[in-house]
Amino acid sequence: MTGIFAAIRRIVQKITRGLCAGCMFILFLMMFLTTADVVGRAFWSHPIKGTLEISSYMLSVFVLAGMAYTQQVKGNVQVDFFVLRCPERLQHLLNALTTLLCLAVVGVIVWQGARDAWGETTVSDMLRIPQWPFKMLVPVGGVLLALEFIFDLSDSLKNVFKPSPRTSPTRST
């Protein structure tokens, strides 16, 4: 079972890193588009039509696809001034509990995001871009984030239940 879990973890992490690379490319395109729009507006009084819509869609892709990667590299902010003063096993237990809480919140986000995206028929105002593909990023990014939380939960629980190192009895001669 551990081999299958490790294989799934490697696959999910490759997918997450691939999405992150795609997000970096999208961020570059968004910066280029915004710069071109500002230059066109400032020098020729001719902005690029739909820049705001396209940038907001690109930003949604960047943020929603990047959540799992941020969790994977432990890039989220942790306030741990209390936890660091606890014994190591309790630290792992508290980490497991907060990870479970995060998993529950992400589960609700995935459920509601999928429910909201499923019947979406709205298009953008200017360019008439359908919104449903971007709304589907909420459950897709959420599932990847949930998987990362499951991997973290597994690691924390292993540390909670691992046998504590015992000192070997010394022989007196």
Protein backbone atom coordinates (compact mmCIF):
# COMPACT_ATOMS: atom_id res chain seq x y z
CA MET A 1 0.00 0.00 0.00
CA THR A 2 2.83 2.39 0.79
CA GLY A 3 4.30 1.90 -2.69
CA ILE A 4 1.02 2.84 -4.35
CA PHE A 5 0.64 5.87 -2.06
CA ALA A 6 4.18 7.01 -2.88
CA ALA A 7 3.55 6.54 -6.61
CA ILE A 8 0.33 8.57 -6.44
CA ARG A 9 2.18 11.24 -4.47
CA ARG A 10 4.93 11.46 -7.14
CA ILE A 11 2.34 11.72 -9.93
CA VAL A 12 0.33 14.42 -8.15
CA GLN A 13 3.47 16.37 -7.35
CA LYS A 14 4.60 16.19 -11.00
CA ILE A 15 1.19 17.46 -12.11
CA THR A 16 1.36 20.24 -9.53
CA ARG A 17 4.85 21.28 -10.64
CA GLY A 18 3.72 21.20 -14.27
CA LEU A 19 0.78 23.46 -13.47
CA CYS A 20 3.16 25.78 -11.64
CA ALA A 21 5.37 26.01 -14.74
CA GLY A 22 2.29 26.77 -16.82
CA CYS A 23 1.26 29.41 -14.30
CA MET A 24 4.66 31.09 -14.57
CA PHE A 25 4.20 31.30 -18.32
CA ILE A 26 0.71 32.75 -17.85
CA LEU A 27 2.09 35.30 -15.40
CA PHE A 28 4.68 36.34 -17.99
CA LEU A 29 1.93 36.74 -20.61
CA MET A 30 -0.17 38.75 -18.16
CA MET A 31 2.75 41.11 -17.45
CA PHE A 32 3.42 41.52 -21.17
CA LEU A 33 -0.26 42.18 -21.92
CA THR A 34 -0.58 44.72 -19.11
CA THR A 35 2.60 46.52 -20.17
CA ALA A 36 1.47 46.62 -23.80
CA ASP A 37 -1.91 47.98 -22.71
CA VAL A 38 -0.33 50.73 -20.60
CA VAL A 39 2.10 51.71 -23.38
CA GLY A 40 -0.68 51.70 -25.98
CA ARG A 41 -2.90 53.78 -23.74
CA ALA A 42 -0.15 56.27 -22.76
CA PHE A 43 1.55 56.85 -26.11
CA TRP A 44 -1.09 56.20 -28.74
CA SER A 45 -4.32 56.60 -26.75
CA HIS A 46 -5.26 53.13 -27.97
CA PRO A 47 -5.56 50.50 -25.20
CA ILE A 48 -5.87 46.80 -25.95
CA LYS A 49 -9.54 45.85 -25.78
CA GLY A 50 -10.41 43.27 -23.15
CA THR A 51 -7.14 43.55 -21.22
CA LEU A 52 -8.93 43.71 -17.89
CA GLU A 53 -11.01 40.62 -18.67
CA ILE A 54 -8.07 38.61 -19.96
CA SER A 55 -5.87 39.66 -17.04
CA SER A 56 -8.52 38.69 -14.50
CA TYR A 57 -8.94 35.27 -16.14
CA MET A 58 -5.17 34.79 -16.24
CA LEU A 59 -4.95 35.77 -12.59
CA SER A 60 -7.61 33.24 -11.66
CA VAL A 61 -5.66 30.50 -13.45
CA PHE A 62 -2.46 31.59 -11.74
CA VAL A 63 -3.94 31.65 -8.24
CA LEU A 64 -6.16 28.57 -8.39
CA ALA A 65 -3.61 26.32 -10.06
CA GLY A 66 -0.83 27.56 -7.78
CA MET A 67 -2.49 26.71 -4.46
CA ALA A 68 -1.38 23.07 -4.46
CA TYR A 69 2.19 23.96 -5.39
CA THR A 70 2.37 26.47 -2.57
CA GLN A 71 1.26 23.77 -0.13
CA GLN A 72 3.67 21.27 -1.67
CA VAL A 73 6.70 23.50 -1.03
CA LYS A 74 5.30 24.59 2.37
CA GLY A 75 5.06 28.18 1.19
CA ASN A 76 1.96 29.02 3.23
CA VAL A 77 2.33 31.19 6.30
CA GLN A 78 2.41 29.30 9.60
CA VAL A 79 2.09 30.97 12.96
CA ASP A 80 3.91 28.54 15.18
CA PHE A 81 5.07 30.45 18.26
CA PHE A 82 2.81 28.28 20.46
CA VAL A 83 3.35 24.97 18.69
CA LEU A 84 7.15 25.21 18.83
CA ARG A 85 6.97 25.16 22.63
CA CYS A 86 5.08 21.85 22.64
CA PRO A 87 6.66 18.38 22.67
CA GLU A 88 7.47 17.02 19.21
CA ARG A 89 4.70 14.42 19.17
CA LEU A 90 2.11 17.05 20.16
CA GLN A 91 3.43 19.33 17.41
CA HIS A 92 2.75 16.61 14.85
CA LEU A 93 -0.68 15.94 16.35
CA LEU A 94 -1.60 19.65 16.17
CA ASN A 95 -0.31 19.74 12.60
CA ALA A 96 -2.49 16.73 11.75
CA LEU A 97 -5.54 18.41 13.31
CA THR A 98 -5.02 21.69 11.44
CA THR A 99 -4.43 19.76 8.23
CA LEU A 100 -7.73 17.93 8.78
CA LEU A 101 -9.45 21.27 9.28
CA CYS A 102 -7.89 22.62 6.08
CA LEU A 103 -8.96 19.46 4.27
CA ALA A 104 -12.55 19.98 5.41
CA VAL A 105 -12.53 23.61 4.24
CA VAL A 106 -11.04 22.64 0.87
CA GLY A 107 -13.66 19.89 0.56
CA VAL A 108 -16.44 22.47 0.90
CA ILE A 109 -14.69 24.75 -1.61
CA VAL A 110 -14.37 21.90 -4.13
CA TRP A 111 -18.01 20.88 -3.66
CA GLN A 112 -19.38 24.41 -3.97
CA GLY A 113 -16.98 25.31 -6.78
CA ALA A 114 -18.03 22.29 -8.83
CA ARG A 115 -21.69 22.98 -8.12
CA ASP A 116 -21.28 26.61 -9.18
CA ALA A 117 -19.24 25.83 -12.30
CA TRP A 118 -21.44 22.97 -13.51
CA GLY A 119 -24.36 25.13 -14.66
CA GLU A 120 -22.39 28.25 -15.57
CA THR A 121 -23.47 29.83 -18.86
CA THR A 122 -22.24 33.38 -18.34
CA VAL A 123 -19.78 34.97 -20.77
CA SER A 124 -17.55 38.00 -20.28
CA ASP A 125 -18.90 41.41 -21.25
CA MET A 126 -16.46 42.56 -23.90
CA LEU A 127 -14.80 39.48 -25.41
CA ARG A 128 -17.66 37.02 -24.77
CA ILE A 129 -15.32 34.45 -23.16
CA PRO A 130 -17.25 31.70 -21.34
CA GLN A 131 -16.66 31.70 -17.59
CA TRP A 132 -17.24 28.01 -16.89
CA PRO A 133 -13.67 26.84 -17.71
CA PHE A 134 -12.26 29.32 -15.24
CA LYS A 135 -14.82 28.42 -12.60
CA MET A 136 -13.92 24.74 -13.08
CA LEU A 137 -10.42 25.65 -11.90
CA VAL A 138 -11.82 26.02 -8.39
CA PRO A 139 -12.61 22.31 -7.97
CA VAL A 140 -9.59 21.16 -10.02
CA GLY A 141 -7.15 23.28 -8.01
CA GLY A 142 -9.01 22.32 -4.84
CA VAL A 143 -8.66 18.60 -5.53
CA LEU A 144 -4.91 19.00 -6.08
CA LEU A 145 -4.68 21.04 -2.88
CA ALA A 146 -6.71 18.41 -1.01
CA LEU A 147 -4.35 15.71 -2.22
CA GLU A 148 -1.38 17.72 -0.96
CA PHE A 149 -3.15 18.05 2.41
CA ILE A 150 -3.73 14.29 2.46
CA PHE A 151 -0.02 13.70 1.87
CA ASP A 152 0.83 16.14 4.68
CA LEU A 153 -1.73 14.48 6.97
CA SER A 154 -0.16 11.11 6.29
CA ASP A 155 3.30 12.46 7.15
CA SER A 156 2.02 14.05 10.35
CA LEU A 157 0.21 10.91 11.47
CA LYS A 158 3.30 8.80 10.80
CA ASN A 159 5.24 11.12 13.09
CA VAL A 160 2.53 11.02 15.76
CA PHE A 161 2.40 7.24 15.89
CA LYS A 162 6.02 6.37 15.25
CA PRO A 163 7.67 4.66 18.19
CA SER A 164 9.57 7.02 20.39
CA PRO A 165 13.29 6.44 20.50
CA ARG A 166 14.17 4.62 23.66
CA THR A 167 17.53 4.70 25.20
CA SER A 168 19.16 1.33 25.31
CA PRO A 169 19.57 -0.05 28.78
CA THR A 170 23.08 0.17 30.02
CA ARG A 171 24.77 -2.83 31.49
CA SER A 172 26.58 -2.51 34.69
CA THR A 173 29.54 -4.76 35.08
